[in-house]
Amino acid sequence: MKSSGPEFITIGKILSSWGRKGHLRVQVTTDFPERFSPSSRVHLKGQLTRIESVEWRKGQVIIKLDTIDSIEEADKLRGEPIEIHSSRLQSLPDGQYYHFELVGMEVRTTQDELLGKITEIMSTSGSDIYVVKGKGGEFLIPAIDDVVKSVNLNKKRIVIEPMKGLLGLNEKTTR
């Protein structure tokens, strides 16, 4: 893990309490849902805590933390992120990146035209879409091999080869 990245990485968001004994209903935001398993250690509001139990329901997880024992305590946590320390990130295969590594990177064409910076990444069933904002407006760039030619984390730069018409079709003028 590079020291320039965030110290903590969000893996889920607490949606609500569940039941009366302090269980939490969590929206999973990680590609590694196995992080939510009994005895796993996570951070909640800056405090290290342990997951006691896990139950999966319709793409969400119901967890019981060792530090929360009542519905009143659980209700106060709505909207809070569940995090892990960045030292626990799993290595990704070559050519794959965590979203937090890409947001903020500048995007240039193969002709060295600056389009802007990635402000957001939308995940779709087919591929991610980079939302790039710059002086020329907002562009939606598909994260596919035919378009994305290089990613340089050290230089914080992505080079793309726009398909014919891509920039014109996706451009939204900012006002």
C-alpha atoms as a PDB file:
ATOM      1  CA  MET A   1       0.000   0.000   0.000  1.00  0.00           C
ATOM      2  CA  LYS A   2       1.352   3.395  -0.955  1.00  0.00           C
ATOM      3  CA  SER A   3       1.643   5.914   1.846  1.00  0.00           C
ATOM      4  CA  SER A   4      -0.091   8.512  -0.354  1.00  0.00           C
ATOM      5  CA  GLY A   5      -3.424   6.684  -0.165  1.00  0.00           C
ATOM      6  CA  PRO A   6      -6.042   6.971   2.554  1.00  0.00           C
ATOM      7  CA  GLU A   7      -5.315   5.335   5.906  1.00  0.00           C
ATOM      8  CA  PHE A   8      -8.747   3.691   6.138  1.00  0.00           C
ATOM      9  CA  ILE A   9     -10.816   2.154   3.339  1.00  0.00           C
ATOM     10  CA  THR A  10     -14.608   1.922   3.514  1.00  0.00           C
ATOM     11  CA  ILE A  11     -15.945  -1.607   2.967  1.00  0.00           C
ATOM     12  CA  GLY A  12     -19.562  -0.988   3.962  1.00  0.00           C
ATOM     13  CA  LYS A  13     -22.096   1.536   5.175  1.00  0.00           C
ATOM     14  CA  ILE A  14     -24.497   1.013   8.077  1.00  0.00           C
ATOM     15  CA  LEU A  15     -28.064   1.312   6.812  1.00  0.00           C
ATOM     16  CA  SER A  16     -29.991   0.652  10.020  1.00  0.00           C
ATOM     17  CA  SER A  17     -30.280  -1.362  13.197  1.00  0.00           C
ATOM     18  CA  TRP A  18     -31.634  -4.894  12.888  1.00  0.00           C
ATOM     19  CA  GLY A  19     -33.518  -6.439  15.760  1.00  0.00           C
ATOM     20  CA  ARG A  20     -33.166  -5.427  19.398  1.00  0.00           C
ATOM     21  CA  LYS A  21     -29.709  -6.740  20.356  1.00  0.00           C
ATOM     22  CA  GLY A  22     -27.478  -4.345  18.434  1.00  0.00           C
ATOM     23  CA  HIS A  23     -27.280  -6.041  15.052  1.00  0.00           C
ATOM     24  CA  LEU A  24     -26.556  -3.774  12.073  1.00  0.00           C
ATOM     25  CA  ARG A  25     -27.814  -3.954   8.490  1.00  0.00           C
ATOM     26  CA  VAL A  26     -24.889  -3.024   6.234  1.00  0.00           C
ATOM     27  CA  GLN A  27     -24.625  -2.149   2.537  1.00  0.00           C
ATOM     28  CA  VAL A  28     -21.484  -3.897   1.290  1.00  0.00           C
ATOM     29  CA  THR A  29     -19.230  -1.636  -0.805  1.00  0.00           C
ATOM     30  CA  THR A  30     -16.225  -3.920  -1.221  1.00  0.00           C
ATOM     31  CA  ASP A  31     -15.412  -6.386  -3.983  1.00  0.00           C
ATOM     32  CA  PHE A  32     -14.235  -8.718  -1.212  1.00  0.00           C
ATOM     33  CA  PRO A  33     -17.391  -9.515   0.805  1.00  0.00           C
ATOM     34  CA  GLU A  34     -15.459 -12.175   2.736  1.00  0.00           C
ATOM     35  CA  ARG A  35     -14.164  -9.242   4.796  1.00  0.00           C
ATOM     36  CA  PHE A  36     -17.504  -9.576   6.603  1.00  0.00           C
ATOM     37  CA  SER A  37     -16.926 -12.825   8.450  1.00  0.00           C
ATOM     38  CA  PRO A  38     -17.034 -13.791  12.130  1.00  0.00           C
ATOM     39  CA  SER A  39     -13.892 -12.715  14.024  1.00  0.00           C
ATOM     40  CA  SER A  40     -12.913 -10.167  11.337  1.00  0.00           C
ATOM     41  CA  ARG A  41     -11.644  -6.886  12.733  1.00  0.00           C
ATOM     42  CA  VAL A  42     -13.070  -3.646  11.363  1.00  0.00           C
ATOM     43  CA  HIS A  43     -12.980   0.038  12.303  1.00  0.00           C
ATOM     44  CA  LEU A  44     -16.125   1.918  13.292  1.00  0.00           C
ATOM     45  CA  LYS A  45     -15.866   5.617  14.155  1.00  0.00           C
ATOM     46  CA  GLY A  46     -12.097   5.226  14.507  1.00  0.00           C
ATOM     47  CA  GLN A  47     -12.335   2.316  16.944  1.00  0.00           C
ATOM     48  CA  LEU A  48     -11.179  -1.223  16.235  1.00  0.00           C
ATOM     49  CA  THR A  49     -13.954  -3.754  16.810  1.00  0.00           C
ATOM     50  CA  ARG A  50     -14.628  -7.419  16.021  1.00  0.00           C
ATOM     51  CA  ILE A  51     -17.485  -8.929  14.036  1.00  0.00           C
ATOM     52  CA  GLU A  52     -19.209 -11.554  16.212  1.00  0.00           C
ATOM     53  CA  SER A  53     -21.755 -12.879  13.714  1.00  0.00           C
ATOM     54  CA  VAL A  54     -22.755 -12.495  10.073  1.00  0.00           C
ATOM     55  CA  GLU A  55     -25.957 -13.233   8.165  1.00  0.00           C
ATOM     56  CA  TRP A  56     -26.410 -12.472   4.449  1.00  0.00           C
ATOM     57  CA  ARG A  57     -29.774 -11.187   3.136  1.00  0.00           C
ATOM     58  CA  LYS A  58     -30.413 -10.035  -0.446  1.00  0.00           C
ATOM     59  CA  GLY A  59     -26.939  -8.614  -1.100  1.00  0.00           C
ATOM     60  CA  GLN A  60     -26.717  -6.960   2.290  1.00  0.00           C
ATOM     61  CA  VAL A  61     -25.177  -8.276   5.453  1.00  0.00           C
ATOM     62  CA  ILE A  62     -26.483  -8.274   9.006  1.00  0.00           C
ATOM     63  CA  ILE A  63     -23.588  -8.132  11.465  1.00  0.00           C
ATOM     64  CA  LYS A  64     -23.196  -8.119  15.217  1.00  0.00           C
ATOM     65  CA  LEU A  65     -20.191  -6.218  16.553  1.00  0.00           C
ATOM     66  CA  ASP A  66     -18.650  -6.973  19.928  1.00  0.00           C
ATOM     67  CA  THR A  67     -19.037  -3.323  21.020  1.00  0.00           C
ATOM     68  CA  ILE A  68     -22.750  -2.809  20.213  1.00  0.00           C
ATOM     69  CA  ASP A  69     -25.355  -4.527  22.399  1.00  0.00           C
ATOM     70  CA  SER A  70     -28.625  -2.631  22.041  1.00  0.00           C
ATOM     71  CA  ILE A  71     -30.979  -1.230  19.428  1.00  0.00           C
ATOM     72  CA  GLU A  72     -30.386   2.247  20.872  1.00  0.00           C
ATOM     73  CA  GLU A  73     -26.620   2.003  20.294  1.00  0.00           C
ATOM     74  CA  ALA A  74     -27.156   0.553  16.817  1.00  0.00           C
ATOM     75  CA  ASP A  75     -29.654   3.283  15.816  1.00  0.00           C
ATOM     76  CA  LYS A  76     -27.017   5.974  16.485  1.00  0.00           C
ATOM     77  CA  LEU A  77     -24.720   4.419  13.855  1.00  0.00           C
ATOM     78  CA  ARG A  78     -26.979   4.841  10.804  1.00  0.00           C
ATOM     79  CA  GLY A  79     -24.924   6.156   7.873  1.00  0.00           C
ATOM     80  CA  GLU A  80     -21.543   5.395   9.471  1.00  0.00           C
ATOM     81  CA  PRO A  81     -18.886   3.713   7.328  1.00  0.00           C
ATOM     82  CA  ILE A  82     -17.331   0.400   8.280  1.00  0.00           C
ATOM     83  CA  GLU A  83     -13.651   0.510   7.432  1.00  0.00           C
ATOM     84  CA  ILE A  84     -10.449  -1.492   7.338  1.00  0.00           C
ATOM     85  CA  HIS A  85      -6.907  -0.199   7.671  1.00  0.00           C
ATOM     86  CA  SER A  86      -5.213   0.289   4.292  1.00  0.00           C
ATOM     87  CA  SER A  87      -2.494  -2.187   5.305  1.00  0.00           C
ATOM     88  CA  ARG A  88      -5.127  -4.928   4.957  1.00  0.00           C
ATOM     89  CA  LEU A  89      -5.883  -4.219   1.288  1.00  0.00           C
ATOM     90  CA  GLN A  90      -5.563  -7.230  -0.951  1.00  0.00           C
ATOM     91  CA  SER A  91      -3.226  -7.065  -3.911  1.00  0.00           C
ATOM     92  CA  LEU A  92      -5.031  -6.743  -7.212  1.00  0.00           C
ATOM     93  CA  PRO A  93      -3.978  -8.369 -10.489  1.00  0.00           C
ATOM     94  CA  ASP A  94      -2.031  -6.236 -12.959  1.00  0.00           C
ATOM     95  CA  GLY A  95      -4.297  -3.775 -14.716  1.00  0.00           C
ATOM     96  CA  GLN A  96      -6.850  -3.603 -11.885  1.00  0.00           C
ATOM     97  CA  TYR A  97      -7.079  -0.703  -9.469  1.00  0.00           C
ATOM     98  CA  TYR A  98      -9.017   0.380  -6.428  1.00  0.00           C
ATOM     99  CA  HIS A  99     -11.384   3.262  -7.160  1.00  0.00           C
ATOM    100  CA  PHE A 100      -9.732   5.497  -4.559  1.00  0.00           C
ATOM    101  CA  GLU A 101      -6.465   5.133  -6.493  1.00  0.00           C
ATOM    102  CA  LEU A 102      -8.054   6.498  -9.691  1.00  0.00           C
ATOM    103  CA  VAL A 103     -10.263   9.314  -8.419  1.00  0.00           C
ATOM    104  CA  GLY A 104      -8.381  12.584  -8.849  1.00  0.00           C
ATOM    105  CA  MET A 105      -6.141  11.311 -11.656  1.00  0.00           C
ATOM    106  CA  GLU A 106      -5.817  13.482 -14.752  1.00  0.00           C
ATOM    107  CA  VAL A 107      -7.075  12.050 -18.021  1.00  0.00           C
ATOM    108  CA  ARG A 108      -5.357  12.851 -21.319  1.00  0.00           C
ATOM    109  CA  THR A 109      -5.873  11.607 -24.845  1.00  0.00           C
ATOM    110  CA  THR A 110      -3.118   9.867 -26.797  1.00  0.00           C
ATOM    111  CA  GLN A 111      -2.674  13.265 -28.518  1.00  0.00           C
ATOM    112  CA  ASP A 112      -1.870  14.741 -25.055  1.00  0.00           C
ATOM    113  CA  GLU A 113      -5.117  16.734 -24.832  1.00  0.00           C
ATOM    114  CA  LEU A 114      -6.074  17.252 -21.177  1.00  0.00           C
ATOM    115  CA  LEU A 115      -9.725  16.288 -20.619  1.00  0.00           C
ATOM    116  CA  GLY A 116      -9.808  16.816 -16.866  1.00  0.00           C
ATOM    117  CA  LYS A 117      -9.713  14.736 -13.718  1.00  0.00           C
ATOM    118  CA  ILE A 118     -11.702  11.704 -12.636  1.00  0.00           C
ATOM    119  CA  THR A 119     -14.237  12.897 -10.073  1.00  0.00           C
ATOM    120  CA  GLU A 120     -16.275   9.724  -9.736  1.00  0.00           C
ATOM    121  CA  ILE A 121     -16.390   6.126 -10.920  1.00  0.00           C
ATOM    122  CA  MET A 122     -19.738   4.542 -11.728  1.00  0.00           C
ATOM    123  CA  SER A 123     -19.831   0.751 -11.577  1.00  0.00           C
ATOM    124  CA  THR A 124     -22.014  -0.996 -14.118  1.00  0.00           C
ATOM    125  CA  SER A 125     -22.515  -4.648 -14.947  1.00  0.00           C
ATOM    126  CA  GLY A 126     -20.336  -4.323 -18.063  1.00  0.00           C
ATOM    127  CA  SER A 127     -17.496  -2.055 -16.982  1.00  0.00           C
ATOM    128  CA  ASP A 128     -16.748   0.972 -14.862  1.00  0.00           C
ATOM    129  CA  ILE A 129     -17.425   4.438 -16.231  1.00  0.00           C
ATOM    130  CA  TYR A 130     -15.012   7.248 -15.344  1.00  0.00           C
ATOM    131  CA  VAL A 131     -16.678  10.629 -14.812  1.00  0.00           C
ATOM    132  CA  VAL A 132     -14.084  13.152 -15.985  1.00  0.00           C
ATOM    133  CA  LYS A 133     -14.561  16.885 -15.361  1.00  0.00           C
ATOM    134  CA  GLY A 134     -12.447  19.610 -16.895  1.00  0.00           C
ATOM    135  CA  LYS A 135     -12.572  22.967 -18.653  1.00  0.00           C
ATOM    136  CA  GLY A 136     -14.239  21.322 -21.655  1.00  0.00           C
ATOM    137  CA  GLY A 137     -17.108  19.955 -19.580  1.00  0.00           C
ATOM    138  CA  GLU A 138     -17.900  16.518 -18.222  1.00  0.00           C
ATOM    139  CA  PHE A 139     -17.078  13.315 -20.077  1.00  0.00           C
ATOM    140  CA  LEU A 140     -18.171   9.750 -19.412  1.00  0.00           C
ATOM    141  CA  ILE A 141     -15.304   7.424 -20.314  1.00  0.00           C
ATOM    142  CA  PRO A 142     -15.814   3.626 -20.384  1.00  0.00           C
ATOM    143  CA  ALA A 143     -13.003   1.807 -18.577  1.00  0.00           C
ATOM    144  CA  ILE A 144     -12.392  -0.715 -21.352  1.00  0.00           C
ATOM    145  CA  ASP A 145      -9.153  -1.813 -23.013  1.00  0.00           C
ATOM    146  CA  ASP A 146     -10.161  -0.275 -26.361  1.00  0.00           C
ATOM    147  CA  VAL A 147     -10.307   3.174 -24.724  1.00  0.00           C
ATOM    148  CA  VAL A 148      -7.978   3.177 -21.697  1.00  0.00           C
ATOM    149  CA  LYS A 149      -4.427   2.810 -23.021  1.00  0.00           C
ATOM    150  CA  SER A 150      -2.377   3.368 -19.861  1.00  0.00           C
ATOM    151  CA  VAL A 151      -2.729   4.022 -16.150  1.00  0.00           C
ATOM    152  CA  ASN A 152       0.256   5.493 -14.315  1.00  0.00           C
ATOM    153  CA  LEU A 153      -0.373   5.626 -10.568  1.00  0.00           C
ATOM    154  CA  ASN A 154       2.944   7.370  -9.876  1.00  0.00           C
ATOM    155  CA  LYS A 155       2.245  10.218 -12.314  1.00  0.00           C
ATOM    156  CA  LYS A 156      -1.490  10.159 -11.470  1.00  0.00           C
ATOM    157  CA  ARG A 157      -2.305  10.043 -15.178  1.00  0.00           C
ATOM    158  CA  ILE A 158      -4.560   7.989 -17.418  1.00  0.00           C
ATOM    159  CA  VAL A 159      -4.173   8.067 -21.190  1.00  0.00           C
ATOM    160  CA  ILE A 160      -7.167   7.217 -23.366  1.00  0.00           C
ATOM    161  CA  GLU A 161      -7.773   6.701 -27.081  1.00  0.00           C
ATOM    162  CA  PRO A 162     -11.329   7.943 -27.540  1.00  0.00           C
ATOM    163  CA  MET A 163     -13.434   5.918 -29.940  1.00  0.00           C
ATOM    164  CA  LYS A 164     -14.857   7.955 -32.806  1.00  0.00           C
ATOM    165  CA  GLY A 165     -17.550  10.258 -31.469  1.00  0.00           C
ATOM    166  CA  LEU A 166     -17.036   9.321 -27.788  1.00  0.00           C
ATOM    167  CA  LEU A 167     -16.066  12.738 -26.517  1.00  0.00           C
ATOM    168  CA  GLY A 168     -18.782  14.552 -28.483  1.00  0.00           C
ATOM    169  CA  LEU A 169     -21.501  12.147 -27.395  1.00  0.00           C
ATOM    170  CA  ASN A 170     -20.551  12.159 -23.737  1.00  0.00           C
ATOM    171  CA  GLU A 171     -19.738  15.809 -23.331  1.00  0.00           C
ATOM    172  CA  LYS A 172     -22.003  17.719 -20.966  1.00  0.00           C
ATOM    173  CA  THR A 173     -21.364  21.434 -20.798  1.00  0.00           C
ATOM    174  CA  THR A 174     -20.959  22.632 -17.226  1.00  0.00           C
ATOM    175  CA  ARG A 175     -22.747  25.839 -16.321  1.00  0.00           C
END
